[in-house]
Amino acid sequence: MAKSAAFGVMHVGIAFGVGYALTGSFAIAGALTIVEPLCNTVAHYFFDRWWSRREQAATLMAAGAGRQAAPVGEADDARPEVQSSSWVSHAMA
């Protein structure tokens, strides 16, 4: 949990710094620092729903073909999935 919190603080600092560097405005940088994670949280929710439907469809298709489906992503790539690093998605979970 401490690592996620530290990453969250770092993410907010970077977001603010980049926003300020690009705009020169503390107000706009602050707004971007708040709005960007909120947008990512909403997008993550819909992405997870799409991903779940994709996994279910693969399982149903494999069952119809009389074979067991490999979990989505494992047939394509042997590497483990990378967990989301968004501190907001961790906080919302």
PDB file of N, CA and C in Angstrom:
ATOM      1  N   MET A   1       0.821  -1.194   0.000  1.00  0.00           N
ATOM      2  CA  MET A   1       0.000   0.000   0.000  1.00  0.00           C
ATOM      3  C   MET A   1       0.868   1.262   0.000  1.00  0.00           C
ATOM      4  N   ALA A   2       1.965   1.216   0.717  1.00  0.00           N
ATOM      5  CA  ALA A   2       2.845   2.392   0.779  1.00  0.00           C
ATOM      6  C   ALA A   2       3.421   2.702  -0.598  1.00  0.00           C
ATOM      7  N   LYS A   3       3.754   1.650  -1.347  1.00  0.00           N
ATOM      8  CA  LYS A   3       4.301   1.865  -2.690  1.00  0.00           C
ATOM      9  C   LYS A   3       3.261   2.537  -3.583  1.00  0.00           C
ATOM     10  N   SER A   4       2.006   2.092  -3.507  1.00  0.00           N
ATOM     11  CA  SER A   4       0.943   2.700  -4.317  1.00  0.00           C
ATOM     12  C   SER A   4       0.723   4.156  -3.930  1.00  0.00           C
ATOM     13  N   ALA A   5       0.755   4.433  -2.630  1.00  0.00           N
ATOM     14  CA  ALA A   5       0.577   5.813  -2.177  1.00  0.00           C
ATOM     15  C   ALA A   5       1.734   6.691  -2.651  1.00  0.00           C
ATOM     16  N   ALA A   6       2.962   6.172  -2.552  1.00  0.00           N
ATOM     17  CA  ALA A   6       4.121   6.942  -3.011  1.00  0.00           C
ATOM     18  C   ALA A   6       4.040   7.202  -4.512  1.00  0.00           C
ATOM     19  N   PHE A   7       3.616   6.185  -5.256  1.00  0.00           N
ATOM     20  CA  PHE A   7       3.471   6.371  -6.699  1.00  0.00           C
ATOM     21  C   PHE A   7       2.391   7.411  -6.991  1.00  0.00           C
ATOM     22  N   GLY A   8       1.309   7.389  -6.232  1.00  0.00           N
ATOM     23  CA  GLY A   8       0.243   8.375  -6.414  1.00  0.00           C
ATOM     24  C   GLY A   8       0.734   9.793  -6.206  1.00  0.00           C
ATOM     25  N   VAL A   9       1.524   9.992  -5.162  1.00  0.00           N
ATOM     26  CA  VAL A   9       2.083  11.325  -4.888  1.00  0.00           C
ATOM     27  C   VAL A   9       3.009  11.744  -6.028  1.00  0.00           C
ATOM     28  N   MET A  10       3.836  10.800  -6.485  1.00  0.00           N
ATOM     29  CA  MET A  10       4.744  11.100  -7.585  1.00  0.00           C
ATOM     30  C   MET A  10       3.960  11.454  -8.855  1.00  0.00           C
ATOM     31  N   HIS A  11       2.909  10.706  -9.136  1.00  0.00           N
ATOM     32  CA  HIS A  11       2.093  10.941 -10.324  1.00  0.00           C
ATOM     33  C   HIS A  11       1.465  12.332 -10.290  1.00  0.00           C
ATOM     34  N   VAL A  12       0.929  12.705  -9.146  1.00  0.00           N
ATOM     35  CA  VAL A  12       0.311  14.023  -9.009  1.00  0.00           C
ATOM     36  C   VAL A  12       1.364  15.114  -9.214  1.00  0.00           C
ATOM     37  N   GLY A  13       2.529  14.933  -8.634  1.00  0.00           N
ATOM     38  CA  GLY A  13       3.603  15.919  -8.791  1.00  0.00           C
ATOM     39  C   GLY A  13       4.046  16.068 -10.234  1.00  0.00           C
ATOM     40  N   ILE A  14       4.186  14.932 -10.921  1.00  0.00           N
ATOM     41  CA  ILE A  14       4.586  14.976 -12.330  1.00  0.00           C
ATOM     42  C   ILE A  14       3.490  15.622 -13.175  1.00  0.00           C
ATOM     43  N   ALA A  15       2.254  15.247 -12.924  1.00  0.00           N
ATOM     44  CA  ALA A  15       1.143  15.823 -13.695  1.00  0.00           C
ATOM     45  C   ALA A  15       1.093  17.335 -13.515  1.00  0.00           C
ATOM     46  N   PHE A  16       1.260  17.782 -12.277  1.00  0.00           N
ATOM     47  CA  PHE A  16       1.243  19.218 -12.027  1.00  0.00           C
ATOM     48  C   PHE A  16       2.435  19.896 -12.707  1.00  0.00           C
ATOM     49  N   GLY A  17       3.611  19.304 -12.584  1.00  0.00           N
ATOM     50  CA  GLY A  17       4.809  19.881 -13.188  1.00  0.00           C
ATOM     51  C   GLY A  17       4.711  19.992 -14.697  1.00  0.00           C
ATOM     52  N   VAL A  18       4.225  18.938 -15.336  1.00  0.00           N
ATOM     53  CA  VAL A  18       4.069  18.966 -16.792  1.00  0.00           C
ATOM     54  C   VAL A  18       3.019  20.000 -17.192  1.00  0.00           C
ATOM     55  N   GLY A  19       1.905  20.028 -16.471  1.00  0.00           N
ATOM     56  CA  GLY A  19       0.861  21.012 -16.764  1.00  0.00           C
ATOM     57  C   GLY A  19       1.369  22.436 -16.633  1.00  0.00           C
ATOM     58  N   TYR A  20       2.142  22.681 -15.581  1.00  0.00           N
ATOM     59  CA  TYR A  20       2.688  24.029 -15.393  1.00  0.00           C
ATOM     60  C   TYR A  20       3.725  24.363 -16.461  1.00  0.00           C
ATOM     61  N   ALA A  21       4.573  23.395 -16.794  1.00  0.00           N
ATOM     62  CA  ALA A  21       5.605  23.634 -17.810  1.00  0.00           C
ATOM     63  C   ALA A  21       4.984  23.944 -19.173  1.00  0.00           C
ATOM     64  N   LEU A  22       3.878  23.299 -19.476  1.00  0.00           N
ATOM     65  CA  LEU A  22       3.241  23.515 -20.778  1.00  0.00           C
ATOM     66  C   LEU A  22       2.406  24.794 -20.836  1.00  0.00           C
ATOM     67  N   THR A  23       1.836  25.180 -19.689  1.00  0.00           N
ATOM     68  CA  THR A  23       0.912  26.319 -19.726  1.00  0.00           C
ATOM     69  C   THR A  23       1.425  27.559 -19.012  1.00  0.00           C
ATOM     70  N   GLY A  24       2.299  27.382 -18.021  1.00  0.00           N
ATOM     71  CA  GLY A  24       2.755  28.518 -17.226  1.00  0.00           C
ATOM     72  C   GLY A  24       1.716  29.003 -16.236  1.00  0.00           C
ATOM     73  N   SER A  25       0.654  28.239 -16.065  1.00  0.00           N
ATOM     74  CA  SER A  25      -0.434  28.647 -15.180  1.00  0.00           C
ATOM     75  C   SER A  25      -0.617  27.620 -14.063  1.00  0.00           C
ATOM     76  N   PHE A  26      -0.549  28.111 -12.809  1.00  0.00           N
ATOM     77  CA  PHE A  26      -0.801  27.223 -11.683  1.00  0.00           C
ATOM     78  C   PHE A  26      -2.241  26.713 -11.688  1.00  0.00           C
ATOM     79  N   ALA A  27      -3.186  27.556 -12.056  1.00  0.00           N
ATOM     80  CA  ALA A  27      -4.602  27.173 -12.056  1.00  0.00           C
ATOM     81  C   ALA A  27      -4.871  26.063 -13.077  1.00  0.00           C
ATOM     82  N   ILE A  28      -4.355  26.239 -14.276  1.00  0.00           N
ATOM     83  CA  ILE A  28      -4.574  25.218 -15.310  1.00  0.00           C
ATOM     84  C   ILE A  28      -3.850  23.935 -14.938  1.00  0.00           C
ATOM     85  N   ALA A  29      -2.628  24.039 -14.428  1.00  0.00           N
ATOM     86  CA  ALA A  29      -1.883  22.851 -14.010  1.00  0.00           C
ATOM     87  C   ALA A  29      -2.629  22.114 -12.902  1.00  0.00           C
ATOM     88  N   GLY A  30      -3.180  22.853 -11.962  1.00  0.00           N
ATOM     89  CA  GLY A  30      -3.963  22.229 -10.887  1.00  0.00           C
ATOM     90  C   GLY A  30      -5.206  21.546 -11.408  1.00  0.00           C
ATOM     91  N   ALA A  31      -5.886  22.196 -12.338  1.00  0.00           N
ATOM     92  CA  ALA A  31      -7.089  21.586 -12.924  1.00  0.00           C
ATOM     93  C   ALA A  31      -6.735  20.304 -13.679  1.00  0.00           C
ATOM     94  N   LEU A  32      -5.657  20.347 -14.447  1.00  0.00           N
ATOM     95  CA  LEU A  32      -5.228  19.144 -15.172  1.00  0.00           C
ATOM     96  C   LEU A  32      -4.867  18.018 -14.212  1.00  0.00           C
ATOM     97  N   THR A  33      -4.256  18.373 -13.097  1.00  0.00           N
ATOM     98  CA  THR A  33      -3.847  17.388 -12.103  1.00  0.00           C
ATOM     99  C   THR A  33      -5.062  16.672 -11.518  1.00  0.00           C
ATOM    100  N   ILE A  34      -6.173  17.349 -11.434  1.00  0.00           N
ATOM    101  CA  ILE A  34      -7.399  16.740 -10.904  1.00  0.00           C
ATOM    102  C   ILE A  34      -8.191  16.045 -12.010  1.00  0.00           C
ATOM    103  N   VAL A  35      -8.364  16.685 -13.139  1.00  0.00           N
ATOM    104  CA  VAL A  35      -9.228  16.176 -14.211  1.00  0.00           C
ATOM    105  C   VAL A  35      -8.656  14.929 -14.883  1.00  0.00           C
ATOM    106  N   GLU A  36      -7.359  14.904 -15.131  1.00  0.00           N
ATOM    107  CA  GLU A  36      -6.755  13.765 -15.843  1.00  0.00           C
ATOM    108  C   GLU A  36      -6.974  12.440 -15.117  1.00  0.00           C
ATOM    109  N   PRO A  37      -6.713  12.329 -13.810  1.00  0.00           N
ATOM    110  CA  PRO A  37      -6.974  11.053 -13.138  1.00  0.00           C
ATOM    111  C   PRO A  37      -8.460  10.675 -13.115  1.00  0.00           C
ATOM    112  N   LEU A  38      -9.324  11.665 -13.024  1.00  0.00           N
ATOM    113  CA  LEU A  38     -10.767  11.360 -13.056  1.00  0.00           C
ATOM    114  C   LEU A  38     -11.166  10.772 -14.408  1.00  0.00           C
ATOM    115  N   CYS A  39     -10.653  11.350 -15.481  1.00  0.00           N
ATOM    116  CA  CYS A  39     -10.936  10.809 -16.819  1.00  0.00           C
ATOM    117  C   CYS A  39     -10.371   9.401 -16.967  1.00  0.00           C
ATOM    118  N   ASN A  40      -9.168   9.183 -16.457  1.00  0.00           N
ATOM    119  CA  ASN A  40      -8.577   7.845 -16.516  1.00  0.00           C
ATOM    120  C   ASN A  40      -9.388   6.827 -15.720  1.00  0.00           C
ATOM    121  N   THR A  41      -9.940   7.245 -14.592  1.00  0.00           N
ATOM    122  CA  THR A  41     -10.750   6.335 -13.780  1.00  0.00           C
ATOM    123  C   THR A  41     -11.999   5.906 -14.534  1.00  0.00           C
ATOM    124  N   VAL A  42     -12.674   6.843 -15.172  1.00  0.00           N
ATOM    125  CA  VAL A  42     -13.871   6.516 -15.954  1.00  0.00           C
ATOM    126  C   VAL A  42     -13.501   5.626 -17.137  1.00  0.00           C
ATOM    127  N   ALA A  43     -12.432   5.970 -17.849  1.00  0.00           N
ATOM    128  CA  ALA A  43     -11.992   5.160 -18.985  1.00  0.00           C
ATOM    129  C   ALA A  43     -11.605   3.759 -18.531  1.00  0.00           C
ATOM    130  N   HIS A  44     -10.959   3.641 -17.374  1.00  0.00           N
ATOM    131  CA  HIS A  44     -10.554   2.337 -16.852  1.00  0.00           C
ATOM    132  C   HIS A  44     -11.772   1.460 -16.562  1.00  0.00           C
ATOM    133  N   TYR A  45     -12.821   2.047 -16.015  1.00  0.00           N
ATOM    134  CA  TYR A  45     -14.052   1.302 -15.741  1.00  0.00           C
ATOM    135  C   TYR A  45     -14.617   0.694 -17.028  1.00  0.00           C
ATOM    136  N   PHE A  46     -14.740   1.499 -18.063  1.00  0.00           N
ATOM    137  CA  PHE A  46     -15.286   0.985 -19.317  1.00  0.00           C
ATOM    138  C   PHE A  46     -14.331   0.004 -19.996  1.00  0.00           C
ATOM    139  N   PHE A  47     -13.028   0.221 -19.871  1.00  0.00           N
ATOM    140  CA  PHE A  47     -12.058  -0.717 -20.418  1.00  0.00           C
ATOM    141  C   PHE A  47     -12.171  -2.076 -19.725  1.00  0.00           C
ATOM    142  N   ASP A  48     -12.318  -2.070 -18.402  1.00  0.00           N
ATOM    143  CA  ASP A  48     -12.477  -3.333 -17.670  1.00  0.00           C
ATOM    144  C   ASP A  48     -13.743  -4.071 -18.094  1.00  0.00           C
ATOM    145  N   ARG A  49     -14.818  -3.345 -18.306  1.00  0.00           N
ATOM    146  CA  ARG A  49     -16.054  -3.995 -18.773  1.00  0.00           C
ATOM    147  C   ARG A  49     -15.839  -4.621 -20.141  1.00  0.00           C
ATOM    148  N   TRP A  50     -15.197  -3.902 -21.065  1.00  0.00           N
ATOM    149  CA  TRP A  50     -14.923  -4.432 -22.398  1.00  0.00           C
ATOM    150  C   TRP A  50     -14.016  -5.655 -22.299  1.00  0.00           C
ATOM    151  N   TRP A  51     -12.989  -5.579 -21.475  1.00  0.00           N
ATOM    152  CA  TRP A  51     -12.038  -6.687 -21.333  1.00  0.00           C
ATOM    153  C   TRP A  51     -12.737  -7.937 -20.798  1.00  0.00           C
ATOM    154  N   SER A  52     -13.622  -7.781 -19.823  1.00  0.00           N
ATOM    155  CA  SER A  52     -14.361  -8.919 -19.267  1.00  0.00           C
ATOM    156  C   SER A  52     -15.232  -9.575 -20.330  1.00  0.00           C
ATOM    157  N   ARG A  53     -15.914  -8.757 -21.145  1.00  0.00           N
ATOM    158  CA  ARG A  53     -16.742  -9.331 -22.221  1.00  0.00           C
ATOM    159  C   ARG A  53     -15.867 -10.061 -23.233  1.00  0.00           C
ATOM    160  N   ARG A  54     -14.695  -9.533 -23.505  1.00  0.00           N
ATOM    161  CA  ARG A  54     -13.765 -10.177 -24.433  1.00  0.00           C
ATOM    162  C   ARG A  54     -13.324 -11.542 -23.899  1.00  0.00           C
ATOM    163  N   GLU A  55     -13.000 -11.614 -22.611  1.00  0.00           N
ATOM    164  CA  GLU A  55     -12.618 -12.883 -22.006  1.00  0.00           C
ATOM    165  C   GLU A  55     -13.760 -13.888 -22.029  1.00  0.00           C
ATOM    166  N   GLN A  56     -14.980 -13.428 -21.720  1.00  0.00           N
ATOM    167  CA  GLN A  56     -16.142 -14.316 -21.735  1.00  0.00           C
ATOM    168  C   GLN A  56     -16.399 -14.846 -23.137  1.00  0.00           C
ATOM    169  N   ALA A  57     -16.274 -13.993 -24.138  1.00  0.00           N
ATOM    170  CA  ALA A  57     -16.497 -14.422 -25.519  1.00  0.00           C
ATOM    171  C   ALA A  57     -15.465 -15.469 -25.932  1.00  0.00           C
ATOM    172  N   ALA A  58     -14.210 -15.280 -25.537  1.00  0.00           N
ATOM    173  CA  ALA A  58     -13.164 -16.249 -25.873  1.00  0.00           C
ATOM    174  C   ALA A  58     -13.448 -17.588 -25.209  1.00  0.00           C
ATOM    175  N   THR A  59     -13.909 -17.564 -23.976  1.00  0.00           N
ATOM    176  CA  THR A  59     -14.234 -18.802 -23.261  1.00  0.00           C
ATOM    177  C   THR A  59     -15.404 -19.510 -23.919  1.00  0.00           C
ATOM    178  N   LEU A  60     -16.439 -18.770 -24.283  1.00  0.00           N
ATOM    179  CA  LEU A  60     -17.607 -19.377 -24.929  1.00  0.00           C
ATOM    180  C   LEU A  60     -17.254 -19.953 -26.295  1.00  0.00           C
ATOM    181  N   MET A  61     -16.430 -19.239 -27.045  1.00  0.00           N
ATOM    182  CA  MET A  61     -16.025 -19.731 -28.354  1.00  0.00           C
ATOM    183  C   MET A  61     -15.216 -21.019 -28.220  1.00  0.00           C
ATOM    184  N   ALA A  62     -14.337 -21.071 -27.227  1.00  0.00           N
ATOM    185  CA  ALA A  62     -13.525 -22.265 -27.017  1.00  0.00           C
ATOM    186  C   ALA A  62     -14.387 -23.435 -26.558  1.00  0.00           C
ATOM    187  N   ALA A  63     -15.366 -23.146 -25.711  1.00  0.00           N
ATOM    188  CA  ALA A  63     -16.257 -24.206 -25.240  1.00  0.00           C
ATOM    189  C   ALA A  63     -17.080 -24.763 -26.398  1.00  0.00           C
ATOM    190  N   GLY A  64     -17.468 -23.899 -27.313  1.00  0.00           N
ATOM    191  CA  GLY A  64     -18.221 -24.340 -28.483  1.00  0.00           C
ATOM    192  C   GLY A  64     -17.375 -25.169 -29.422  1.00  0.00           C
ATOM    193  N   ALA A  65     -16.071 -24.945 -29.411  1.00  0.00           N
ATOM    194  CA  ALA A  65     -15.166 -25.696 -30.273  1.00  0.00           C
ATOM    195  C   ALA A  65     -14.671 -26.964 -29.586  1.00  0.00           C
ATOM    196  N   GLY A  66     -15.097 -27.175 -28.317  1.00  0.00           N
ATOM    197  CA  GLY A  66     -14.726 -28.381 -27.598  1.00  0.00           C
ATOM    198  C   GLY A  66     -13.324 -28.361 -27.033  1.00  0.00           C
ATOM    199  N   ARG A  67     -12.775 -27.189 -26.787  1.00  0.00           N
ATOM    200  CA  ARG A  67     -11.450 -27.106 -26.181  1.00  0.00           C
ATOM    201  C   ARG A  67     -11.466 -26.026 -25.112  1.00  0.00           C
ATOM    202  N   GLN A  68     -10.493 -26.094 -24.229  1.00  0.00           N
ATOM    203  CA  GLN A  68     -10.407 -25.105 -23.177  1.00  0.00           C
ATOM    204  C   GLN A  68      -9.648 -23.888 -23.681  1.00  0.00           C
ATOM    205  N   ALA A  69     -10.162 -22.728 -23.379  1.00  0.00           N
ATOM    206  CA  ALA A  69      -9.518 -21.487 -23.831  1.00  0.00           C
ATOM    207  C   ALA A  69      -8.362 -21.140 -22.927  1.00  0.00           C
ATOM    208  N   ALA A  70      -7.294 -20.654 -23.519  1.00  0.00           N
ATOM    209  CA  ALA A  70      -6.213 -20.071 -22.735  1.00  0.00           C
ATOM    210  C   ALA A  70      -6.689 -18.697 -22.283  1.00  0.00           C
ATOM    211  N   PRO A  71      -6.331 -18.296 -21.074  1.00  0.00           N
ATOM    212  CA  PRO A  71      -6.728 -16.953 -20.640  1.00  0.00           C
ATOM    213  C   PRO A  71      -6.272 -15.915 -21.659  1.00  0.00           C
ATOM    214  N   VAL A  72      -7.089 -14.901 -21.837  1.00  0.00           N
ATOM    215  CA  VAL A  72      -6.798 -13.867 -22.825  1.00  0.00           C
ATOM    216  C   VAL A  72      -5.438 -13.268 -22.532  1.00  0.00           C
ATOM    217  N   GLY A  73      -4.635 -13.175 -23.552  1.00  0.00           N
ATOM    218  CA  GLY A  73      -3.313 -12.599 -23.421  1.00  0.00           C
ATOM    219  C   GLY A  73      -2.222 -13.631 -23.267  1.00  0.00           C
ATOM    220  N   GLU A  74      -2.523 -14.801 -22.668  1.00  0.00           N
ATOM    221  CA  GLU A  74      -1.493 -15.808 -22.466  1.00  0.00           C
ATOM    222  C   GLU A  74      -1.125 -16.512 -23.758  1.00  0.00           C
ATOM    223  N   ALA A  75      -2.075 -16.708 -24.641  1.00  0.00           N
ATOM    224  CA  ALA A  75      -1.758 -17.357 -25.904  1.00  0.00           C
ATOM    225  C   ALA A  75      -0.900 -16.439 -26.772  1.00  0.00           C
ATOM    226  N   ASP A  76      -1.112 -15.131 -26.622  1.00  0.00           N
ATOM    227  CA  ASP A  76      -0.384 -14.162 -27.427  1.00  0.00           C
ATOM    228  C   ASP A  76       0.979 -13.827 -26.836  1.00  0.00           C
ATOM    229  N   ASP A  77       1.069 -13.907 -25.519  1.00  0.00           N
ATOM    230  CA  ASP A  77       2.260 -13.409 -24.872  1.00  0.00           C
ATOM    231  C   ASP A  77       2.442 -14.149 -23.552  1.00  0.00           C
ATOM    232  N   ALA A  78       3.594 -14.688 -23.304  1.00  0.00           N
ATOM    233  CA  ALA A  78       3.831 -15.458 -22.091  1.00  0.00           C
ATOM    234  C   ALA A  78       4.126 -14.576 -20.884  1.00  0.00           C
ATOM    235  N   ARG A  79       4.296 -13.287 -21.085  1.00  0.00           N
ATOM    236  CA  ARG A  79       4.592 -12.397 -19.966  1.00  0.00           C
ATOM    237  C   ARG A  79       3.344 -12.185 -19.116  1.00  0.00           C
ATOM    238  N   PRO A  80       3.515 -12.032 -17.799  1.00  0.00           N
ATOM    239  CA  PRO A  80       2.348 -11.740 -16.953  1.00  0.00           C
ATOM    240  C   PRO A  80       1.814 -10.352 -17.269  1.00  0.00           C
ATOM    241  N   GLU A  81       0.530 -10.159 -17.003  1.00  0.00           N
ATOM    242  CA  GLU A  81      -0.079  -8.858 -17.260  1.00  0.00           C
ATOM    243  C   GLU A  81       0.512  -7.818 -16.325  1.00  0.00           C
ATOM    244  N   VAL A  82       0.632  -6.618 -16.819  1.00  0.00           N
ATOM    245  CA  VAL A  82       1.109  -5.510 -16.010  1.00  0.00           C
ATOM    246  C   VAL A  82      -0.101  -4.900 -15.322  1.00  0.00           C
ATOM    247  N   GLN A  83       0.005  -4.729 -14.041  1.00  0.00           N
ATOM    248  CA  GLN A  83      -1.099  -4.151 -13.289  1.00  0.00           C
ATOM    249  C   GLN A  83      -1.176  -2.650 -13.559  1.00  0.00           C
ATOM    250  N   SER A  84      -2.377  -2.126 -13.457  1.00  0.00           N
ATOM    251  CA  SER A  84      -2.564  -0.700 -13.654  1.00  0.00           C
ATOM    252  C   SER A  84      -1.775   0.066 -12.613  1.00  0.00           C
ATOM    253  N   SER A  85      -1.126   1.126 -13.041  1.00  0.00           N
ATOM    254  CA  SER A  85      -0.336   1.916 -12.102  1.00  0.00           C
ATOM    255  C   SER A  85      -1.045   3.199 -11.714  1.00  0.00           C
ATOM    256  N   SER A  86      -2.277   3.356 -12.146  1.00  0.00           N
ATOM    257  CA  SER A  86      -2.991   4.574 -11.819  1.00  0.00           C
ATOM    258  C   SER A  86      -3.396   4.550 -10.345  1.00  0.00           C
ATOM    259  N   TRP A  87      -2.955   5.516  -9.587  1.00  0.00           N
ATOM    260  CA  TRP A  87      -3.288   5.553  -8.165  1.00  0.00           C
ATOM    261  C   TRP A  87      -4.778   5.734  -7.962  1.00  0.00           C
ATOM    262  N   VAL A  88      -5.453   6.383  -8.916  1.00  0.00           N
ATOM    263  CA  VAL A  88      -6.890   6.576  -8.786  1.00  0.00           C
ATOM    264  C   VAL A  88      -7.620   5.249  -8.931  1.00  0.00           C
ATOM    265  N   SER A  89      -7.194   4.412  -9.887  1.00  0.00           N
ATOM    266  CA  SER A  89      -7.872   3.127 -10.054  1.00  0.00           C
ATOM    267  C   SER A  89      -7.665   2.269  -8.825  1.00  0.00           C
ATOM    268  N   HIS A  90      -6.510   2.375  -8.157  1.00  0.00           N
ATOM    269  CA  HIS A  90      -6.281   1.620  -6.924  1.00  0.00           C
ATOM    270  C   HIS A  90      -7.186   2.157  -5.813  1.00  0.00           C
ATOM    271  N   ALA A  91      -7.338   3.459  -5.770  1.00  0.00           N
ATOM    272  CA  ALA A  91      -8.156   4.057  -4.727  1.00  0.00           C
ATOM    273  C   ALA A  91      -9.626   3.758  -4.934  1.00  0.00           C
ATOM    274  N   MET A  92     -10.047   3.605  -6.190  1.00  0.00           N
ATOM    275  CA  MET A  92     -11.452   3.359  -6.497  1.00  0.00           C
ATOM    276  C   MET A  92     -11.812   1.883  -6.391  1.00  0.00           C
ATOM    277  N   ALA A  93     -10.824   0.997  -6.342  1.00  0.00           N
ATOM    278  CA  ALA A  93     -11.085  -0.445  -6.299  1.00  0.00           C
ATOM    279  C   ALA A  93     -11.580  -0.875  -4.948  1.00  0.00           C
TER     280      ALA A  93
END
